[in-house]
């Protein structure tokens, strides 16, 4: 387990505790019937949990690989040498636009 993984777990626990504290605060608001803003401890927990989860998101996946098209070391799938038969499906065929209609000028 690396430092990034532990930071992510702690960040997730902080998010869970902030959610629990918010539920408790809502229950207290039903009794008091006045709202002056979220509690500062919940806001601090959320910001700290966000920072820790961002650190974990950048540290846990590992080493970044090259995405250059000429890089053969990280290439998993090679493109075919004959690109004449490549088919691209998209949602443009579903649009009601009729290609035979011309714009009036």
PDB file of N, CA and C in Angstrom:
ATOM      1  N   UNK A   1       0.839  -1.176   0.000  1.00  0.00           N
ATOM      2  CA  UNK A   1       0.000   0.000   0.000  1.00  0.00           C
ATOM      3  C   UNK A   1       0.881   1.236   0.000  1.00  0.00           C
ATOM      4  N   UNK A   2       0.608   2.095  -0.963  1.00  0.00           N
ATOM      5  CA  UNK A   2       1.385   3.311  -1.064  1.00  0.00           C
ATOM      6  C   UNK A   2       0.736   4.462  -0.313  1.00  0.00           C
ATOM      7  N   UNK A   3       1.434   5.564  -0.317  1.00  0.00           N
ATOM      8  CA  UNK A   3       0.956   6.766   0.350  1.00  0.00           C
ATOM      9  C   UNK A   3      -0.303   7.280  -0.333  1.00  0.00           C
ATOM     10  N   UNK A   4      -0.365   7.186  -1.659  1.00  0.00           N
ATOM     11  CA  UNK A   4      -1.538   7.657  -2.390  1.00  0.00           C
ATOM     12  C   UNK A   4      -2.786   6.868  -2.038  1.00  0.00           C
ATOM     13  N   UNK A   5      -2.650   5.562  -1.888  1.00  0.00           N
ATOM     14  CA  UNK A   5      -3.797   4.722  -1.534  1.00  0.00           C
ATOM     15  C   UNK A   5      -4.313   5.056  -0.135  1.00  0.00           C
ATOM     16  N   UNK A   6      -3.391   5.248   0.794  1.00  0.00           N
ATOM     17  CA  UNK A   6      -3.778   5.589   2.162  1.00  0.00           C
ATOM     18  C   UNK A   6      -4.436   6.962   2.196  1.00  0.00           C
ATOM     19  N   UNK A   7      -3.924   7.902   1.404  1.00  0.00           N
ATOM     20  CA  UNK A   7      -4.541   9.230   1.331  1.00  0.00           C
ATOM     21  C   UNK A   7      -5.954   9.134   0.775  1.00  0.00           C
ATOM     22  N   UNK A   8      -6.169   8.263  -0.196  1.00  0.00           N
ATOM     23  CA  UNK A   8      -7.509   8.087  -0.756  1.00  0.00           C
ATOM     24  C   UNK A   8      -8.469   7.484   0.239  1.00  0.00           C
ATOM     25  N   UNK A   9      -8.001   6.532   1.018  1.00  0.00           N
ATOM     26  CA  UNK A   9      -8.858   5.915   2.036  1.00  0.00           C
ATOM     27  C   UNK A   9      -9.223   6.939   3.108  1.00  0.00           C
ATOM     28  N   UNK A  10      -8.239   7.716   3.550  1.00  0.00           N
ATOM     29  CA  UNK A  10      -8.515   8.742   4.560  1.00  0.00           C
ATOM     30  C   UNK A  10      -9.463   9.802   3.993  1.00  0.00           C
ATOM     31  N   UNK A  11      -9.270  10.190   2.727  1.00  0.00           N
ATOM     32  CA  UNK A  11     -10.176  11.149   2.094  1.00  0.00           C
ATOM     33  C   UNK A  11     -11.593  10.615   2.009  1.00  0.00           C
ATOM     34  N   UNK A  12     -11.744   9.340   1.674  1.00  0.00           N
ATOM     35  CA  UNK A  12     -13.072   8.734   1.626  1.00  0.00           C
ATOM     36  C   UNK A  12     -13.727   8.670   2.998  1.00  0.00           C
ATOM     37  N   UNK A  13     -12.920   8.362   4.016  1.00  0.00           N
ATOM     38  CA  UNK A  13     -13.450   8.355   5.383  1.00  0.00           C
ATOM     39  C   UNK A  13     -13.872   9.751   5.829  1.00  0.00           C
ATOM     40  N   UNK A  14     -13.104  10.764   5.420  1.00  0.00           N
ATOM     41  CA  UNK A  14     -13.491  12.141   5.748  1.00  0.00           C
ATOM     42  C   UNK A  14     -14.800  12.513   5.059  1.00  0.00           C
ATOM     43  N   UNK A  15     -14.985  12.089   3.818  1.00  0.00           N
ATOM     44  CA  UNK A  15     -16.254  12.341   3.121  1.00  0.00           C
ATOM     45  C   UNK A  15     -17.409  11.651   3.846  1.00  0.00           C
ATOM     46  N   UNK A  16     -17.195  10.421   4.283  1.00  0.00           N
ATOM     47  CA  UNK A  16     -18.247   9.693   4.983  1.00  0.00           C
ATOM     48  C   UNK A  16     -18.583  10.359   6.317  1.00  0.00           C
ATOM     49  N   UNK A  17     -17.572  10.802   7.031  1.00  0.00           N
ATOM     50  CA  UNK A  17     -17.829  11.472   8.306  1.00  0.00           C
ATOM     51  C   UNK A  17     -18.525  12.812   8.091  1.00  0.00           C
ATOM     52  N   UNK A  18     -18.159  13.530   7.049  1.00  0.00           N
ATOM     53  CA  UNK A  18     -18.834  14.799   6.749  1.00  0.00           C
ATOM     54  C   UNK A  18     -20.299  14.556   6.402  1.00  0.00           C
ATOM     55  N   UNK A  19     -20.588  13.473   5.701  1.00  0.00           N
ATOM     56  CA  UNK A  19     -21.983  13.135   5.384  1.00  0.00           C
ATOM     57  C   UNK A  19     -22.754  12.801   6.654  1.00  0.00           C
ATOM     58  N   UNK A  20     -22.139  12.046   7.558  1.00  0.00           N
ATOM     59  CA  UNK A  20     -22.788  11.704   8.823  1.00  0.00           C
ATOM     60  C   UNK A  20     -23.030  12.958   9.658  1.00  0.00           C
ATOM     61  N   UNK A  21     -22.055  13.856   9.715  1.00  0.00           N
ATOM     62  CA  UNK A  21     -22.213  15.095  10.479  1.00  0.00           C
ATOM     63  C   UNK A  21     -23.297  15.978   9.865  1.00  0.00           C
ATOM     64  N   UNK A  22     -23.425  15.959   8.544  1.00  0.00           N
ATOM     65  CA  UNK A  22     -24.473  16.741   7.885  1.00  0.00           C
ATOM     66  C   UNK A  22     -25.852  16.181   8.217  1.00  0.00           C
ATOM     67  N   UNK A  23     -25.982  14.862   8.267  1.00  0.00           N
ATOM     68  CA  UNK A  23     -27.267  14.247   8.639  1.00  0.00           C
ATOM     69  C   UNK A  23     -27.622  14.608  10.077  1.00  0.00           C
ATOM     70  N   UNK A  24     -26.645  14.569  10.978  1.00  0.00           N
ATOM     71  CA  UNK A  24     -26.888  14.968  12.358  1.00  0.00           C
ATOM     72  C   UNK A  24     -27.283  16.439  12.444  1.00  0.00           C
ATOM     73  N   UNK A  25     -26.635  17.283  11.640  1.00  0.00           N
ATOM     74  CA  UNK A  25     -26.933  18.718  11.633  1.00  0.00           C
ATOM     75  C   UNK A  25     -28.342  18.971  11.109  1.00  0.00           C
ATOM     76  N   UNK A  26     -28.769  18.223  10.105  1.00  0.00           N
ATOM     77  CA  UNK A  26     -30.142  18.376   9.603  1.00  0.00           C
ATOM     78  C   UNK A  26     -31.161  17.994  10.657  1.00  0.00           C
ATOM     79  N   UNK A  27     -30.876  16.954  11.421  1.00  0.00           N
ATOM     80  CA  UNK A  27     -31.772  16.568  12.512  1.00  0.00           C
ATOM     81  C   UNK A  27     -31.862  17.653  13.569  1.00  0.00           C
ATOM     82  N   UNK A  28     -30.739  18.304  13.843  1.00  0.00           N
ATOM     83  CA  UNK A  28     -30.737  19.382  14.813  1.00  0.00           C
ATOM     84  C   UNK A  28     -31.494  20.609  14.271  1.00  0.00           C
ATOM     85  N   UNK A  29     -31.406  20.845  12.965  1.00  0.00           N
ATOM     86  CA  UNK A  29     -32.123  21.976  12.365  1.00  0.00           C
ATOM     87  C   UNK A  29     -33.632  21.801  12.446  1.00  0.00           C
ATOM     88  N   UNK A  30     -34.105  20.553  12.386  1.00  0.00           N
ATOM     89  CA  UNK A  30     -35.546  20.322  12.490  1.00  0.00           C
ATOM     90  C   UNK A  30     -36.058  20.734  13.866  1.00  0.00           C
ATOM     91  N   UNK A  31     -35.215  20.619  14.872  1.00  0.00           N
ATOM     92  CA  UNK A  31     -35.608  21.002  16.228  1.00  0.00           C
ATOM     93  C   UNK A  31     -35.498  22.515  16.404  1.00  0.00           C
ATOM     94  N   UNK A  32     -34.388  23.117  15.948  1.00  0.00           N
ATOM     95  CA  UNK A  32     -34.130  24.541  16.176  1.00  0.00           C
ATOM     96  C   UNK A  32     -34.842  25.443  15.175  1.00  0.00           C
ATOM     97  N   UNK A  33     -35.063  24.991  13.965  1.00  0.00           N
ATOM     98  CA  UNK A  33     -35.727  25.725  12.889  1.00  0.00           C
ATOM     99  C   UNK A  33     -35.042  27.026  12.519  1.00  0.00           C
ATOM    100  N   UNK A  34     -33.737  27.080  12.577  1.00  0.00           N
ATOM    101  CA  UNK A  34     -32.994  28.241  12.078  1.00  0.00           C
ATOM    102  C   UNK A  34     -31.716  27.751  11.398  1.00  0.00           C
ATOM    103  N   UNK A  35     -31.431  28.348  10.250  1.00  0.00           N
ATOM    104  CA  UNK A  35     -30.269  27.926   9.461  1.00  0.00           C
ATOM    105  C   UNK A  35     -29.353  29.120   9.280  1.00  0.00           C
ATOM    106  N   UNK A  36     -28.117  28.984   9.712  1.00  0.00           N
ATOM    107  CA  UNK A  36     -27.159  30.075   9.575  1.00  0.00           C
ATOM    108  C   UNK A  36     -26.006  29.701   8.651  1.00  0.00           C
ATOM    109  N   UNK A  37     -26.075  28.555   7.981  1.00  0.00           N
ATOM    110  CA  UNK A  37     -25.023  28.108   7.083  1.00  0.00           C
ATOM    111  C   UNK A  37     -24.506  26.754   7.529  1.00  0.00           C
ATOM    112  N   UNK A  38     -23.728  26.123   6.685  1.00  0.00           N
ATOM    113  CA  UNK A  38     -23.196  24.801   7.057  1.00  0.00           C
ATOM    114  C   UNK A  38     -22.155  24.935   8.164  1.00  0.00           C
ATOM    115  N   UNK A  39     -22.007  23.917   8.977  1.00  0.00           N
ATOM    116  CA  UNK A  39     -20.995  23.963  10.044  1.00  0.00           C
ATOM    117  C   UNK A  39     -19.589  24.017   9.446  1.00  0.00           C
ATOM    118  N   UNK A  40     -18.725  24.753  10.108  1.00  0.00           N
ATOM    119  CA  UNK A  40     -17.368  24.919   9.580  1.00  0.00           C
ATOM    120  C   UNK A  40     -16.584  23.613   9.614  1.00  0.00           C
ATOM    121  N   UNK A  41     -16.843  22.754  10.606  1.00  0.00           N
ATOM    122  CA  UNK A  41     -16.091  21.494  10.652  1.00  0.00           C
ATOM    123  C   UNK A  41     -16.438  20.604   9.454  1.00  0.00           C
ATOM    124  N   UNK A  42     -17.692  20.656   8.987  1.00  0.00           N
ATOM    125  CA  UNK A  42     -18.088  19.864   7.822  1.00  0.00           C
ATOM    126  C   UNK A  42     -17.419  20.419   6.561  1.00  0.00           C
ATOM    127  N   UNK A  43     -17.378  21.740   6.437  1.00  0.00           N
ATOM    128  CA  UNK A  43     -16.744  22.357   5.262  1.00  0.00           C
ATOM    129  C   UNK A  43     -15.251  22.036   5.242  1.00  0.00           C
ATOM    130  N   UNK A  44     -14.602  22.104   6.393  1.00  0.00           N
ATOM    131  CA  UNK A  44     -13.168  21.789   6.467  1.00  0.00           C
ATOM    132  C   UNK A  44     -12.923  20.312   6.132  1.00  0.00           C
ATOM    133  N   UNK A  45     -13.776  19.425   6.643  1.00  0.00           N
ATOM    134  CA  UNK A  45     -13.633  17.994   6.327  1.00  0.00           C
ATOM    135  C   UNK A  45     -13.814  17.740   4.838  1.00  0.00           C
ATOM    136  N   UNK A  46     -14.780  18.409   4.224  1.00  0.00           N
ATOM    137  CA  UNK A  46     -15.007  18.217   2.786  1.00  0.00           C
ATOM    138  C   UNK A  46     -13.819  18.703   1.966  1.00  0.00           C
ATOM    139  N   UNK A  47     -13.271  19.867   2.307  1.00  0.00           N
ATOM    140  CA  UNK A  47     -12.123  20.386   1.559  1.00  0.00           C
ATOM    141  C   UNK A  47     -10.887  19.499   1.743  1.00  0.00           C
ATOM    142  N   UNK A  48     -10.655  19.051   2.976  1.00  0.00           N
ATOM    143  CA  UNK A  48      -9.510  18.173   3.228  1.00  0.00           C
ATOM    144  C   UNK A  48      -9.686  16.824   2.533  1.00  0.00           C
ATOM    145  N   UNK A  49     -10.913  16.286   2.560  1.00  0.00           N
ATOM    146  CA  UNK A  49     -11.190  15.029   1.856  1.00  0.00           C
ATOM    147  C   UNK A  49     -11.020  15.177   0.355  1.00  0.00           C
ATOM    148  N   UNK A  50     -11.426  16.331  -0.183  1.00  0.00           N
ATOM    149  CA  UNK A  50     -11.248  16.582  -1.616  1.00  0.00           C
ATOM    150  C   UNK A  50      -9.775  16.609  -1.987  1.00  0.00           C
ATOM    151  N   UNK A  51      -8.979  17.301  -1.193  1.00  0.00           N
ATOM    152  CA  UNK A  51      -7.542  17.384  -1.480  1.00  0.00           C
ATOM    153  C   UNK A  51      -6.894  16.001  -1.401  1.00  0.00           C
ATOM    154  N   UNK A  52      -7.247  15.235  -0.374  1.00  0.00           N
ATOM    155  CA  UNK A  52      -6.656  13.895  -0.226  1.00  0.00           C
ATOM    156  C   UNK A  52      -7.081  12.961  -1.354  1.00  0.00           C
ATOM    157  N   UNK A  53      -8.329  13.051  -1.776  1.00  0.00           N
ATOM    158  CA  UNK A  53      -8.785  12.197  -2.879  1.00  0.00           C
ATOM    159  C   UNK A  53      -8.148  12.613  -4.206  1.00  0.00           C
ATOM    160  N   UNK A  54      -7.901  13.901  -4.382  1.00  0.00           N
ATOM    161  CA  UNK A  54      -7.208  14.346  -5.601  1.00  0.00           C
ATOM    162  C   UNK A  54      -5.760  13.860  -5.611  1.00  0.00           C
ATOM    163  N   UNK A  55      -5.105  13.913  -4.465  1.00  0.00           N
ATOM    164  CA  UNK A  55      -3.737  13.395  -4.364  1.00  0.00           C
ATOM    165  C   UNK A  55      -3.720  11.903  -4.681  1.00  0.00           C
ATOM    166  N   UNK A  56      -4.695  11.183  -4.138  1.00  0.00           N
ATOM    167  CA  UNK A  56      -4.769   9.741  -4.400  1.00  0.00           C
ATOM    168  C   UNK A  56      -5.067   9.471  -5.867  1.00  0.00           C
ATOM    169  N   UNK A  57      -5.925  10.266  -6.471  1.00  0.00           N
ATOM    170  CA  UNK A  57      -6.248  10.068  -7.881  1.00  0.00           C
ATOM    171  C   UNK A  57      -5.064  10.288  -8.795  1.00  0.00           C
ATOM    172  N   UNK A  58      -4.161  11.164  -8.402  1.00  0.00           N
ATOM    173  CA  UNK A  58      -2.966  11.392  -9.210  1.00  0.00           C
ATOM    174  C   UNK A  58      -1.829  10.435  -8.880  1.00  0.00           C
ATOM    175  N   UNK A  59      -1.795   9.929  -7.659  1.00  0.00           N
ATOM    176  CA  UNK A  59      -0.665   9.095  -7.244  1.00  0.00           C
ATOM    177  C   UNK A  59      -0.905   7.606  -7.450  1.00  0.00           C
ATOM    178  N   UNK A  60      -2.123   7.136  -7.281  1.00  0.00           N
ATOM    179  CA  UNK A  60      -2.386   5.700  -7.304  1.00  0.00           C
ATOM    180  C   UNK A  60      -2.258   5.078  -8.688  1.00  0.00           C
ATOM    181  N   UNK A  61      -2.774   5.696  -9.782  1.00  0.00           N
ATOM    182  CA  UNK A  61      -2.713   5.007 -11.071  1.00  0.00           C
ATOM    183  C   UNK A  61      -1.311   4.638 -11.526  1.00  0.00           C
ATOM    184  N   UNK A  62      -0.312   5.357 -11.102  1.00  0.00           N
ATOM    185  CA  UNK A  62       1.052   4.973 -11.450  1.00  0.00           C
ATOM    186  C   UNK A  62       1.667   5.904 -12.466  1.00  0.00           C
ATOM    187  N   UNK A  63       2.613   5.360 -13.215  1.00  0.00           N
ATOM    188  CA  UNK A  63       3.391   6.132 -14.156  1.00  0.00           C
ATOM    189  C   UNK A  63       2.567   6.490 -15.384  1.00  0.00           C
ATOM    190  N   UNK A  64       2.687   7.733 -15.847  1.00  0.00           N
ATOM    191  CA  UNK A  64       2.022   8.148 -17.071  1.00  0.00           C
ATOM    192  C   UNK A  64       2.774   7.596 -18.273  1.00  0.00           C
ATOM    193  N   UNK A  65       2.036   7.134 -19.270  1.00  0.00           N
ATOM    194  CA  UNK A  65       2.640   6.607 -20.482  1.00  0.00           C
ATOM    195  C   UNK A  65       2.539   7.628 -21.597  1.00  0.00           C
ATOM    196  N   UNK A  66       3.390   7.476 -22.566  1.00  0.00           N
ATOM    197  CA  UNK A  66       3.401   8.370 -23.709  1.00  0.00           C
ATOM    198  C   UNK A  66       2.177   8.113 -24.581  1.00  0.00           C
ATOM    199  N   UNK A  67       1.569   9.189 -25.099  1.00  0.00           N
ATOM    200  CA  UNK A  67       0.425   9.031 -25.992  1.00  0.00           C
ATOM    201  C   UNK A  67       0.757   9.479 -27.406  1.00  0.00           C
ATOM    202  N   UNK A  68       2.011   9.646 -27.677  1.00  0.00           N
ATOM    203  CA  UNK A  68       2.413  10.051 -29.021  1.00  0.00           C
ATOM    204  C   UNK A  68       2.135   8.923 -30.006  1.00  0.00           C
ATOM    205  N   UNK A  69       1.640   9.257 -31.208  1.00  0.00           N
ATOM    206  CA  UNK A  69       1.295   8.192 -32.161  1.00  0.00           C
ATOM    207  C   UNK A  69       2.513   7.423 -32.678  1.00  0.00           C
ATOM    208  N   UNK A  70       3.686   8.032 -32.646  1.00  0.00           N
ATOM    209  CA  UNK A  70       4.877   7.358 -33.149  1.00  0.00           C
ATOM    210  C   UNK A  70       5.531   6.466 -32.107  1.00  0.00           C
ATOM    211  N   UNK A  71       5.052   6.509 -30.882  1.00  0.00           N
ATOM    212  CA  UNK A  71       5.636   5.723 -29.807  1.00  0.00           C
ATOM    213  C   UNK A  71       5.155   4.283 -29.905  1.00  0.00           C
ATOM    214  N   UNK A  72       6.053   3.369 -30.196  1.00  0.00           N
ATOM    215  CA  UNK A  72       5.704   1.956 -30.343  1.00  0.00           C
ATOM    216  C   UNK A  72       5.802   1.197 -29.024  1.00  0.00           C
ATOM    217  N   UNK A  73       6.436   1.779 -28.011  1.00  0.00           N
ATOM    218  CA  UNK A  73       6.654   1.054 -26.765  1.00  0.00           C
ATOM    219  C   UNK A  73       5.363   0.844 -25.975  1.00  0.00           C
ATOM    220  N   UNK A  74       4.403   1.754 -26.091  1.00  0.00           N
ATOM    221  CA  UNK A  74       3.182   1.654 -25.301  1.00  0.00           C
ATOM    222  C   UNK A  74       1.972   1.293 -26.162  1.00  0.00           C
ATOM    223  N   UNK A  75       2.186   0.976 -27.387  1.00  0.00           N
ATOM    224  CA  UNK A  75       1.083   0.723 -28.303  1.00  0.00           C
ATOM    225  C   UNK A  75       0.498  -0.662 -28.048  1.00  0.00           C
ATOM    226  N   UNK A  76      -0.795  -0.726 -27.762  1.00  0.00           N
ATOM    227  CA  UNK A  76      -1.444  -1.997 -27.515  1.00  0.00           C
ATOM    228  C   UNK A  76      -2.065  -2.513 -28.809  1.00  0.00           C
ATOM    229  N   UNK A  77      -2.737  -1.638 -29.525  1.00  0.00           N
ATOM    230  CA  UNK A  77      -3.390  -2.017 -30.766  1.00  0.00           C
ATOM    231  C   UNK A  77      -2.737  -1.230 -31.892  1.00  0.00           C
ATOM    232  N   UNK A  78      -2.312  -1.931 -32.922  1.00  0.00           N
ATOM    233  CA  UNK A  78      -1.712  -1.225 -34.049  1.00  0.00           C
ATOM    234  C   UNK A  78      -2.789  -0.979 -35.101  1.00  0.00           C
ATOM    235  N   UNK A  79      -2.723   0.157 -35.736  1.00  0.00           N
ATOM    236  CA  UNK A  79      -3.678   0.492 -36.776  1.00  0.00           C
ATOM    237  C   UNK A  79      -3.351  -0.285 -38.044  1.00  0.00           C
ATOM    238  N   UNK A  80      -4.370  -0.656 -38.799  1.00  0.00           N
ATOM    239  CA  UNK A  80      -4.085  -1.364 -40.051  1.00  0.00           C
ATOM    240  C   UNK A  80      -3.399  -0.430 -41.047  1.00  0.00           C
ATOM    241  N   UNK A  81      -2.598  -1.021 -41.912  1.00  0.00           N
ATOM    242  CA  UNK A  81      -1.878  -0.193 -42.877  1.00  0.00           C
ATOM    243  C   UNK A  81      -2.807   0.326 -43.962  1.00  0.00           C
ATOM    244  N   UNK A  82      -3.900  -0.386 -44.254  1.00  0.00           N
ATOM    245  CA  UNK A  82      -4.861   0.061 -45.260  1.00  0.00           C
ATOM    246  C   UNK A  82      -6.037   0.716 -44.532  1.00  0.00           C
ATOM    247  N   UNK A  83      -6.143   2.032 -44.594  1.00  0.00           N
ATOM    248  CA  UNK A  83      -7.180   2.763 -43.870  1.00  0.00           C
ATOM    249  C   UNK A  83      -8.421   2.988 -44.719  1.00  0.00           C
ATOM    250  N   UNK A  84      -8.537   2.311 -45.886  1.00  0.00           N
ATOM    251  CA  UNK A  84      -9.684   2.525 -46.761  1.00  0.00           C
ATOM    252  C   UNK A  84     -10.965   1.926 -46.199  1.00  0.00           C
ATOM    253  N   UNK A  85     -10.879   0.930 -45.359  1.00  0.00           N
ATOM    254  CA  UNK A  85     -12.065   0.229 -44.895  1.00  0.00           C
ATOM    255  C   UNK A  85     -12.428   0.550 -43.448  1.00  0.00           C
ATOM    256  N   UNK A  86     -11.979   1.687 -42.939  1.00  0.00           N
ATOM    257  CA  UNK A  86     -12.332   2.077 -41.572  1.00  0.00           C
ATOM    258  C   UNK A  86     -13.738   2.665 -41.579  1.00  0.00           C
ATOM    259  N   UNK A  87     -14.577   2.213 -40.655  1.00  0.00           N
ATOM    260  CA  UNK A  87     -15.965   2.664 -40.575  1.00  0.00           C
ATOM    261  C   UNK A  87     -16.153   3.375 -39.246  1.00  0.00           C
ATOM    262  N   UNK A  88     -16.728   4.552 -39.305  1.00  0.00           N
ATOM    263  CA  UNK A  88     -17.004   5.317 -38.099  1.00  0.00           C
ATOM    264  C   UNK A  88     -18.508   5.476 -37.965  1.00  0.00           C
ATOM    265  N   UNK A  89     -19.084   4.889 -36.937  1.00  0.00           N
ATOM    266  CA  UNK A  89     -20.506   5.036 -36.674  1.00  0.00           C
ATOM    267  C   UNK A  89     -20.709   6.220 -35.743  1.00  0.00           C
ATOM    268  N   UNK A  90     -21.693   7.037 -36.042  1.00  0.00           N
ATOM    269  CA  UNK A  90     -21.990   8.187 -35.202  1.00  0.00           C
ATOM    270  C   UNK A  90     -23.485   8.473 -35.244  1.00  0.00           C
ATOM    271  N   UNK A  91     -23.932   9.416 -34.450  1.00  0.00           N
ATOM    272  CA  UNK A  91     -25.348   9.726 -34.348  1.00  0.00           C
ATOM    273  C   UNK A  91     -25.820  10.711 -35.406  1.00  0.00           C
ATOM    274  N   UNK A  92     -24.979  11.104 -36.309  1.00  0.00           N
ATOM    275  CA  UNK A  92     -25.364  12.045 -37.353  1.00  0.00           C
ATOM    276  C   UNK A  92     -26.415  11.486 -38.286  1.00  0.00           C
ATOM    277  N   UNK A  93     -26.469  10.176 -38.425  1.00  0.00           N
ATOM    278  CA  UNK A  93     -27.459   9.568 -39.316  1.00  0.00           C
ATOM    279  C   UNK A  93     -28.865   9.672 -38.735  1.00  0.00           C
ATOM    280  N   UNK A  94     -28.995   9.929 -37.459  1.00  0.00           N
ATOM    281  CA  UNK A  94     -30.303  10.030 -36.825  1.00  0.00           C
ATOM    282  C   UNK A  94     -30.893  11.433 -36.906  1.00  0.00           C
ATOM    283  N   UNK A  95     -30.126  12.396 -37.357  1.00  0.00           N
ATOM    284  CA  UNK A  95     -30.637  13.765 -37.407  1.00  0.00           C
ATOM    285  C   UNK A  95     -31.649  13.904 -38.551  1.00  0.00           C
ATOM    286  N   UNK A  96     -32.641  14.780 -38.388  1.00  0.00           N
ATOM    287  CA  UNK A  96     -33.687  14.913 -39.406  1.00  0.00           C
ATOM    288  C   UNK A  96     -33.247  15.722 -40.637  1.00  0.00           C
ATOM    289  N   UNK A  97     -31.996  16.085 -40.685  1.00  0.00           N
ATOM    290  CA  UNK A  97     -31.497  16.893 -41.795  1.00  0.00           C
ATOM    291  C   UNK A  97     -31.482  16.065 -43.081  1.00  0.00           C
ATOM    292  N   UNK A  98     -32.091  16.607 -44.134  1.00  0.00           N
ATOM    293  CA  UNK A  98     -32.119  15.940 -45.435  1.00  0.00           C
ATOM    294  C   UNK A  98     -31.007  16.531 -46.293  1.00  0.00           C
ATOM    295  N   UNK A  99     -30.030  15.751 -46.724  1.00  0.00           N
ATOM    296  CA  UNK A  99     -28.883  16.304 -47.466  1.00  0.00           C
ATOM    297  C   UNK A  99     -29.287  16.805 -48.863  1.00  0.00           C
ATOM    298  N   UNK A 100     -30.444  16.401 -49.381  1.00  0.00           N
ATOM    299  CA  UNK A 100     -30.816  16.838 -50.703  1.00  0.00           C
ATOM    300  C   UNK A 100     -31.483  18.207 -50.684  1.00  0.00           C
ATOM    301  N   UNK A 101     -31.860  18.702 -49.517  1.00  0.00           N
ATOM    302  CA  UNK A 101     -32.450  20.023 -49.420  1.00  0.00           C
ATOM    303  C   UNK A 101     -31.362  21.070 -49.535  1.00  0.00           C
ATOM    304  N   UNK A 102     -31.660  22.155 -50.216  1.00  0.00           N
ATOM    305  CA  UNK A 102     -30.683  23.228 -50.365  1.00  0.00           C
ATOM    306  C   UNK A 102     -31.187  24.433 -49.602  1.00  0.00           C
ATOM    307  N   UNK A 103     -30.234  25.225 -49.122  1.00  0.00           N
ATOM    308  CA  UNK A 103     -30.588  26.443 -48.408  1.00  0.00           C
ATOM    309  C   UNK A 103     -31.068  27.477 -49.402  1.00  0.00           C
ATOM    310  N   UNK A 104     -32.092  28.224 -49.010  1.00  0.00           N
ATOM    311  CA  UNK A 104     -32.593  29.306 -49.867  1.00  0.00           C
ATOM    312  C   UNK A 104     -31.753  30.557 -49.598  1.00  0.00           C
ATOM    313  N   UNK A 105     -31.269  31.131 -50.673  1.00  0.00           N
ATOM    314  CA  UNK A 105     -30.456  32.346 -50.515  1.00  0.00           C
ATOM    315  C   UNK A 105     -31.129  33.530 -51.132  1.00  0.00           C
TER     316      UNK A 105
END
